């Protein structure tokens, strides 16, 4: 009887161990990622899963404000997010991010110091740079032969109906502020009123608003000019050197897209594993190959071809200074959004 009881106890112990191990494996086997659409190569996701066994559930958003609303409403739980710099600043201020444990990131040292300790995360506690970019003007020089140096040239009457712009209210409002010589982070009531007629005039000349793939209309010839993300402009330049990238003379904005762990994340270890995987030079290079923004990973840049490094939209020449966004609060974001909606409706 004692032997039988011992065997029974041993069997129960083994069953409990298997159950615990299965639960841990199941927990280790998932990462819920919330990120921009068309921004993480499938090869990267597949490679991570192949190496770790962790399945990545990739859900997307189309604006930083949409991301912020989802996270603040607590309707969903994610393990890793990809916020733009100013949205990360808001999440940090609201206590919505977990500190990054650098001891788990063997590849942190690959990051270039100029992209660390920036205003959105001055102590570099909560975020990791993913990709950096600018917003500028693309010109099909076979169709547009006159010089285009800035916003005034882009939105000239002579280009009416031939322009695509990113469907991003903050970016468009920022462009209008630049033309008036205002700070891009000063959306006072007076400045909002001042940029409204500027945007109304511009919108009457815009053919298409597209944040997901503004390059598509340029490649097809539906439009000849665009205000686009630098990465989209880089892909156009790779396709055909007739697509020139211009940083507007009135001023240019630089954005930093990041990786961060939400406070309510369940799979924190998996999030760190994915971040460290992204920071590997060969993995980061895969991202640059498919989405040629400015790579903040020094080791990855060494793997890029001379042509990639010479792409003026990926790595703008010169030492020009760029402005970055700061978080302005929900009221201002809503005011910008309402103005954009009103102006778009008025052009129909």
Protein backbone atom coordinates (compact mmCIF):
# COMPACT_ATOMS: atom_id res chain seq x y z
CA UNK A 1 0.00 0.00 0.00
CA UNK A 2 2.81 2.39 0.93
CA UNK A 3 4.53 1.65 -2.38
CA UNK A 4 1.29 2.28 -4.22
CA UNK A 5 0.80 5.59 -2.37
CA UNK A 6 4.35 6.62 -3.20
CA UNK A 7 3.76 5.84 -6.85
CA UNK A 8 0.51 7.78 -6.75
CA UNK A 9 2.20 10.77 -5.15
CA UNK A 10 5.01 10.58 -7.69
CA UNK A 11 2.48 10.48 -10.52
CA UNK A 12 0.64 13.49 -9.13
CA UNK A 13 3.90 15.38 -8.76
CA UNK A 14 4.83 14.62 -12.36
CA UNK A 15 1.36 15.67 -13.52
CA UNK A 16 1.63 18.94 -11.61
CA UNK A 17 5.09 19.56 -13.05
CA UNK A 18 3.85 18.91 -16.58
CA UNK A 19 0.83 21.16 -15.99
CA UNK A 20 3.01 23.98 -14.67
CA UNK A 21 5.49 23.54 -17.50
CA UNK A 22 2.70 23.55 -20.06
CA UNK A 23 1.25 26.72 -18.53
CA UNK A 24 4.65 28.42 -18.63
CA UNK A 25 5.23 27.29 -22.20
CA UNK A 26 1.83 28.57 -23.17
CA UNK A 27 2.58 31.89 -21.49
CA UNK A 28 5.99 32.08 -23.18
CA UNK A 29 4.42 31.26 -26.51
CA UNK A 30 2.67 34.55 -27.23
CA UNK A 31 3.41 38.22 -27.85
CA UNK A 32 0.63 40.70 -28.48
CA UNK A 33 2.09 43.49 -30.60
CA UNK A 34 0.33 46.80 -31.37
CA UNK A 35 2.13 48.70 -34.12
CA UNK A 36 1.88 50.81 -37.26
CA UNK A 37 0.60 49.03 -40.35
CA UNK A 38 3.19 47.96 -42.94
CA UNK A 39 6.14 48.66 -40.68
CA UNK A 40 7.50 45.32 -39.43
CA UNK A 41 8.62 42.85 -42.10
CA UNK A 42 6.92 39.47 -42.02
CA UNK A 43 10.38 37.88 -42.28
CA UNK A 44 11.28 39.46 -38.94
CA UNK A 45 8.13 38.16 -37.25
CA UNK A 46 8.61 34.70 -38.75
CA UNK A 47 12.28 34.60 -37.76
CA UNK A 48 11.47 35.52 -34.16
CA UNK A 49 8.79 32.84 -33.95
CA UNK A 50 11.04 30.25 -35.55
CA UNK A 51 13.82 30.95 -33.05
CA UNK A 52 11.79 31.32 -29.88
CA UNK A 53 8.53 29.49 -30.52
CA UNK A 54 6.69 32.66 -29.52
CA UNK A 55 3.68 33.45 -31.70
CA UNK A 56 3.31 37.15 -32.54
CA UNK A 57 -0.22 38.53 -32.73
CA UNK A 58 0.24 41.72 -34.78
CA UNK A 59 -2.54 44.30 -34.50
CA UNK A 60 -2.20 47.65 -36.26
CA UNK A 61 -3.31 51.26 -35.92
CA UNK A 62 -3.24 54.17 -38.35
CA UNK A 63 -2.38 57.13 -36.10
CA UNK A 64 -0.64 57.82 -32.83
CA UNK A 65 -3.83 59.27 -31.44
CA UNK A 66 -5.71 56.06 -32.22
CA UNK A 67 -3.06 54.09 -30.33
CA UNK A 68 -3.26 56.41 -27.34
CA UNK A 69 -7.05 56.22 -27.20
CA UNK A 70 -7.01 52.41 -27.30
CA UNK A 71 -4.43 52.15 -24.55
CA UNK A 72 -5.98 54.77 -22.27
CA UNK A 73 -9.42 53.22 -22.66
CA UNK A 74 -7.97 49.90 -21.46
CA UNK A 75 -10.10 47.95 -23.90
CA UNK A 76 -7.23 45.73 -24.95
CA UNK A 77 -4.03 44.40 -23.47
CA UNK A 78 -0.81 44.42 -25.46
CA UNK A 79 2.66 43.22 -24.54
CA UNK A 80 4.58 45.53 -26.87
CA UNK A 81 3.63 48.73 -28.66
CA UNK A 82 5.25 50.97 -31.26
CA UNK A 83 4.36 54.56 -30.36
CA UNK A 84 5.68 57.69 -32.04
CA UNK A 85 7.78 59.89 -29.78
CA UNK A 86 5.10 62.34 -28.64
CA UNK A 87 2.61 59.56 -27.88
CA UNK A 88 5.26 57.78 -25.81
CA UNK A 89 5.73 61.03 -23.90
CA UNK A 90 2.02 61.06 -23.04
CA UNK A 91 2.06 57.40 -21.99
CA UNK A 92 5.08 58.00 -19.75
CA UNK A 93 3.44 61.01 -18.09
CA UNK A 94 0.31 58.96 -17.47
CA UNK A 95 2.22 56.02 -15.97
CA UNK A 96 1.18 53.67 -18.77
CA UNK A 97 4.60 52.18 -19.60
CA UNK A 98 6.83 49.74 -17.75
CA UNK A 99 10.54 50.54 -17.43
CA UNK A 100 12.76 48.68 -19.89
CA UNK A 101 15.14 46.24 -18.20
CA UNK A 102 18.36 46.90 -20.08
CA UNK A 103 20.02 43.89 -18.45
CA UNK A 104 17.81 41.79 -20.75
CA UNK A 105 18.95 43.66 -23.87
CA UNK A 106 22.33 42.37 -24.96
CA UNK A 107 22.12 44.47 -28.15
CA UNK A 108 21.24 47.83 -26.59
CA UNK A 109 24.77 49.09 -27.24
CA UNK A 110 24.12 48.99 -31.00
CA UNK A 111 21.94 52.10 -30.75
CA UNK A 112 23.41 55.45 -31.76
CA UNK A 113 23.63 57.92 -28.85
CA UNK A 114 22.01 60.78 -30.79
CA UNK A 115 18.73 58.85 -30.74
CA UNK A 116 18.81 58.22 -27.00
CA UNK A 117 17.75 60.44 -24.07
CA UNK A 118 15.53 62.52 -26.32
CA UNK A 119 12.81 64.85 -24.95
CA UNK A 120 10.09 62.19 -24.96
CA UNK A 121 12.17 59.93 -22.65
CA UNK A 122 15.09 61.96 -21.27
CA UNK A 123 16.28 59.24 -18.88
CA UNK A 124 15.89 56.50 -21.51
CA UNK A 125 13.87 54.39 -19.11
CA UNK A 126 10.76 53.41 -21.06
CA UNK A 127 11.45 53.33 -24.79
CA UNK A 128 13.77 51.89 -27.43
CA UNK A 129 14.23 53.58 -30.85
CA UNK A 130 12.88 51.47 -33.71
CA UNK A 131 13.17 53.72 -36.76
CA UNK A 132 13.58 57.44 -37.37
CA UNK A 133 12.28 59.50 -40.26
CA UNK A 134 11.37 62.86 -41.68
CA UNK A 135 8.31 64.18 -43.47
CA UNK A 136 9.10 65.83 -46.76
CA UNK A 137 8.14 66.48 -50.35
CA UNK A 138 8.45 64.02 -53.22
CA UNK A 139 8.57 65.41 -56.75
CA UNK A 140 8.27 63.43 -59.98
CA UNK A 141 10.86 65.45 -61.86
CA UNK A 142 9.76 64.06 -65.23
CA UNK A 143 6.35 65.67 -64.76
CA UNK A 144 7.30 68.70 -62.64
CA UNK A 145 10.24 70.62 -64.05
CA UNK A 146 10.05 73.84 -62.03
CA UNK A 147 11.85 73.97 -58.64
CA UNK A 148 9.93 72.76 -55.57
CA UNK A 149 11.70 73.93 -52.44
CA UNK A 150 8.98 74.00 -49.81
CA UNK A 151 5.32 73.95 -48.88
CA UNK A 152 4.54 77.13 -50.80
CA UNK A 153 5.80 75.52 -54.01
CA UNK A 154 4.13 72.17 -53.32
CA UNK A 155 0.68 73.63 -52.73
CA UNK A 156 0.88 76.16 -55.56
CA UNK A 157 -2.25 76.56 -57.68
CA UNK A 158 -0.36 75.19 -60.69
CA UNK A 159 -0.18 71.78 -58.98
CA UNK A 160 -3.88 71.58 -58.07
CA UNK A 161 -5.27 68.05 -58.39
CA UNK A 162 -1.80 66.52 -58.66
CA UNK A 163 -0.89 66.22 -54.96
CA UNK A 164 -1.05 63.40 -52.40
CA UNK A 165 -0.48 64.11 -48.69
CA UNK A 166 -0.30 61.98 -45.57
CA UNK A 167 -3.68 61.69 -43.91
CA UNK A 168 -2.33 62.95 -40.59
CA UNK A 169 -3.80 66.06 -39.02
CA UNK A 170 -0.82 66.87 -36.83
CA UNK A 171 1.61 66.64 -39.75
CA UNK A 172 -0.50 68.85 -42.00
CA UNK A 173 -1.13 71.38 -39.25
CA UNK A 174 2.61 71.42 -38.57
CA UNK A 175 3.36 72.18 -42.22
CA UNK A 176 0.98 75.14 -42.06
CA UNK A 177 2.63 76.40 -38.86
CA UNK A 178 6.02 76.28 -40.57
CA UNK A 179 4.79 78.54 -43.37
CA UNK A 180 3.73 81.13 -40.79
CA UNK A 181 7.04 80.98 -38.94
CA UNK A 182 5.45 79.46 -35.83
CA UNK A 183 6.74 76.78 -33.46
CA UNK A 184 5.43 73.38 -34.51
CA UNK A 185 4.42 72.66 -30.92
CA UNK A 186 2.46 75.89 -30.41
CA UNK A 187 -1.19 75.21 -31.15
CA UNK A 188 -2.62 78.16 -29.31
CA UNK A 189 -6.15 79.23 -30.30
CA UNK A 190 -4.62 82.11 -32.26
CA UNK A 191 -2.31 79.77 -34.20
CA UNK A 192 -5.11 77.30 -34.88
CA UNK A 193 -7.17 80.15 -36.30
CA UNK A 194 -4.22 81.37 -38.37
CA UNK A 195 -3.50 78.01 -40.03
CA UNK A 196 -7.13 77.22 -40.87
CA UNK A 197 -7.32 79.33 -44.05
CA UNK A 198 -3.88 78.08 -45.11
CA UNK A 199 -5.04 74.47 -44.84
CA UNK A 200 -8.36 75.23 -46.54
CA UNK A 201 -6.48 76.57 -49.56
CA UNK A 202 -4.13 73.58 -49.59
CA UNK A 203 -6.92 71.03 -49.25
CA UNK A 204 -8.71 72.47 -52.28
CA UNK A 205 -5.65 71.43 -54.32
CA UNK A 206 -5.03 67.99 -52.80
CA UNK A 207 -6.20 65.01 -54.81
CA UNK A 208 -5.60 62.29 -52.24
CA UNK A 209 -5.07 61.88 -48.48
CA UNK A 210 -3.17 58.64 -47.78
CA UNK A 211 -1.03 57.76 -44.79
CA UNK A 212 -0.71 54.02 -45.42
CA UNK A 213 0.93 54.11 -48.85
CA UNK A 214 1.18 57.59 -50.41
CA UNK A 215 3.86 56.25 -52.76
CA UNK A 216 1.24 54.19 -54.61
CA UNK A 217 -0.41 57.16 -56.30
CA UNK A 218 2.98 58.61 -57.22
CA UNK A 219 4.17 55.34 -58.75
CA UNK A 220 0.98 54.93 -60.76
CA UNK A 221 1.19 58.49 -62.09
CA UNK A 222 -2.13 59.53 -60.53
CA UNK A 223 -0.28 62.41 -58.85
CA UNK A 224 3.04 64.13 -59.43
CA UNK A 225 3.93 65.52 -56.00
CA UNK A 226 3.41 64.49 -52.41
CA UNK A 227 3.96 65.32 -48.77
CA UNK A 228 5.00 61.88 -47.52
CA UNK A 229 6.88 59.88 -44.92
CA UNK A 230 10.61 59.70 -45.59
CA UNK A 231 10.51 55.91 -45.81
CA UNK A 232 7.90 56.06 -48.56
CA UNK A 233 10.05 58.60 -50.40
CA UNK A 234 13.05 56.29 -50.03
CA UNK A 235 11.16 53.43 -51.66
CA UNK A 236 10.19 55.71 -54.54
CA UNK A 237 13.82 56.76 -55.04
CA UNK A 238 14.86 53.10 -55.08
CA UNK A 239 12.22 52.44 -57.73
CA UNK A 240 13.12 55.38 -59.94
CA UNK A 241 15.58 58.22 -59.42
CA UNK A 242 13.10 60.62 -61.04
CA UNK A 243 11.44 60.87 -57.62
CA UNK A 244 13.34 63.58 -55.77
CA UNK A 245 13.00 64.10 -52.02
CA UNK A 246 12.94 67.65 -50.71
CA UNK A 247 13.09 68.74 -47.08
CA UNK A 248 10.89 71.87 -47.05
CA UNK A 249 12.85 75.08 -46.73
CA UNK A 250 10.33 76.45 -44.21
CA UNK A 251 11.19 73.66 -41.77
CA UNK A 252 11.19 69.88 -41.40
CA UNK A 253 9.93 67.53 -38.74
CA UNK A 254 11.78 64.41 -37.56
CA UNK A 255 9.86 61.60 -35.90
CA UNK A 256 11.17 58.74 -33.79
CA UNK A 257 9.11 55.55 -33.70
CA UNK A 258 9.75 53.47 -30.62
CA UNK A 259 9.21 50.16 -28.92
CA UNK A 260 7.70 50.21 -25.43
CA UNK A 261 6.01 47.85 -22.96
CA UNK A 262 2.55 48.85 -21.68
CA UNK A 263 1.96 48.76 -17.93
CA UNK A 264 -0.72 46.07 -18.31
CA UNK A 265 1.42 43.73 -20.45
CA UNK A 266 1.13 40.04 -19.59
CA UNK A 267 4.19 38.75 -21.45
CA UNK A 268 6.91 41.14 -20.33
CA UNK A 269 9.72 38.65 -20.84
CA UNK A 270 8.60 38.01 -24.40
CA UNK A 271 8.50 41.74 -25.07
CA UNK A 272 12.13 42.07 -23.97
CA UNK A 273 13.09 39.10 -26.13
CA UNK A 274 11.48 40.72 -29.17
CA UNK A 275 13.11 44.09 -28.54
CA UNK A 276 16.55 42.47 -28.23
CA UNK A 277 15.88 40.47 -31.39
CA UNK A 278 15.01 43.69 -33.27
CA UNK A 279 18.27 45.26 -32.08
CA UNK A 280 20.41 42.57 -33.69
CA UNK A 281 22.28 44.10 -36.64
CA UNK A 282 21.19 41.48 -39.16
CA UNK A 283 17.54 41.76 -38.08
CA UNK A 284 17.58 45.54 -38.05
CA UNK A 285 19.04 45.43 -41.56
CA UNK A 286 16.02 43.40 -42.71
CA UNK A 287 13.81 46.23 -41.50
CA UNK A 288 15.86 48.80 -43.41
CA UNK A 289 15.72 46.62 -46.53
CA UNK A 290 11.92 46.66 -46.55
CA UNK A 291 11.19 49.97 -44.82
CA UNK A 292 14.13 52.27 -45.57
CA UNK A 293 13.71 54.88 -42.87
CA UNK A 294 16.69 56.22 -40.93
CA UNK A 295 18.08 53.30 -38.95
CA UNK A 296 19.24 54.29 -35.43
CA UNK A 297 21.23 51.06 -35.11
CA UNK A 298 24.92 51.75 -35.79
CA UNK A 299 25.82 48.09 -36.19
CA UNK A 300 22.98 47.57 -38.67
CA UNK A 301 24.06 50.55 -40.76
CA UNK A 302 27.41 48.87 -41.31
CA UNK A 303 25.54 46.08 -43.12
CA UNK A 304 23.70 48.41 -45.51
CA UNK A 305 24.86 48.86 -49.09
CA UNK A 306 26.43 52.13 -50.31
CA UNK A 307 23.27 52.78 -52.35
CA UNK A 308 21.07 52.39 -49.28
CA UNK A 309 23.20 54.82 -47.30
CA UNK A 310 23.18 57.27 -50.23
CA UNK A 311 19.37 57.37 -50.34
CA UNK A 312 18.58 61.05 -49.60
CA UNK A 313 15.20 60.21 -48.07
CA UNK A 314 16.66 57.63 -45.68
CA UNK A 315 19.77 59.60 -44.75
CA UNK A 316 19.32 63.26 -45.70
CA UNK A 317 22.65 64.88 -46.56
CA UNK A 318 24.05 67.78 -44.57
CA UNK A 319 23.69 68.64 -40.92
CA UNK A 320 20.25 70.19 -40.96
CA UNK A 321 18.47 70.55 -37.62
CA UNK A 322 15.06 68.95 -37.26
CA UNK A 323 12.18 69.63 -34.91
CA UNK A 324 10.40 66.90 -32.96
CA UNK A 325 6.83 66.72 -31.71
CA UNK A 326 5.87 67.12 -28.07
CA UNK A 327 2.65 65.86 -26.57
CA UNK A 328 0.11 68.70 -26.47
CA UNK A 329 -2.84 67.16 -24.63
CA UNK A 330 -6.18 65.67 -25.64
CA UNK A 331 -7.94 69.02 -26.06
CA UNK A 332 -5.50 70.24 -28.70
CA UNK A 333 -5.48 66.87 -30.47
CA UNK A 334 -9.29 66.98 -30.64
CA UNK A 335 -9.23 70.57 -31.90
CA UNK A 336 -6.81 69.64 -34.70
CA UNK A 337 -8.86 66.58 -35.60
CA UNK A 338 -12.09 68.55 -35.72
CA UNK A 339 -10.52 71.23 -37.91
CA UNK A 340 -9.20 68.61 -40.34
CA UNK A 341 -12.59 66.89 -40.52
CA UNK A 342 -14.37 70.19 -41.16
CA UNK A 343 -11.92 71.21 -43.88
CA UNK A 344 -12.11 67.84 -45.64
CA UNK A 345 -15.91 67.90 -45.55
CA UNK A 346 -15.94 71.44 -46.96
CA UNK A 347 -14.05 70.33 -50.10
CA UNK A 348 -16.60 67.66 -51.07
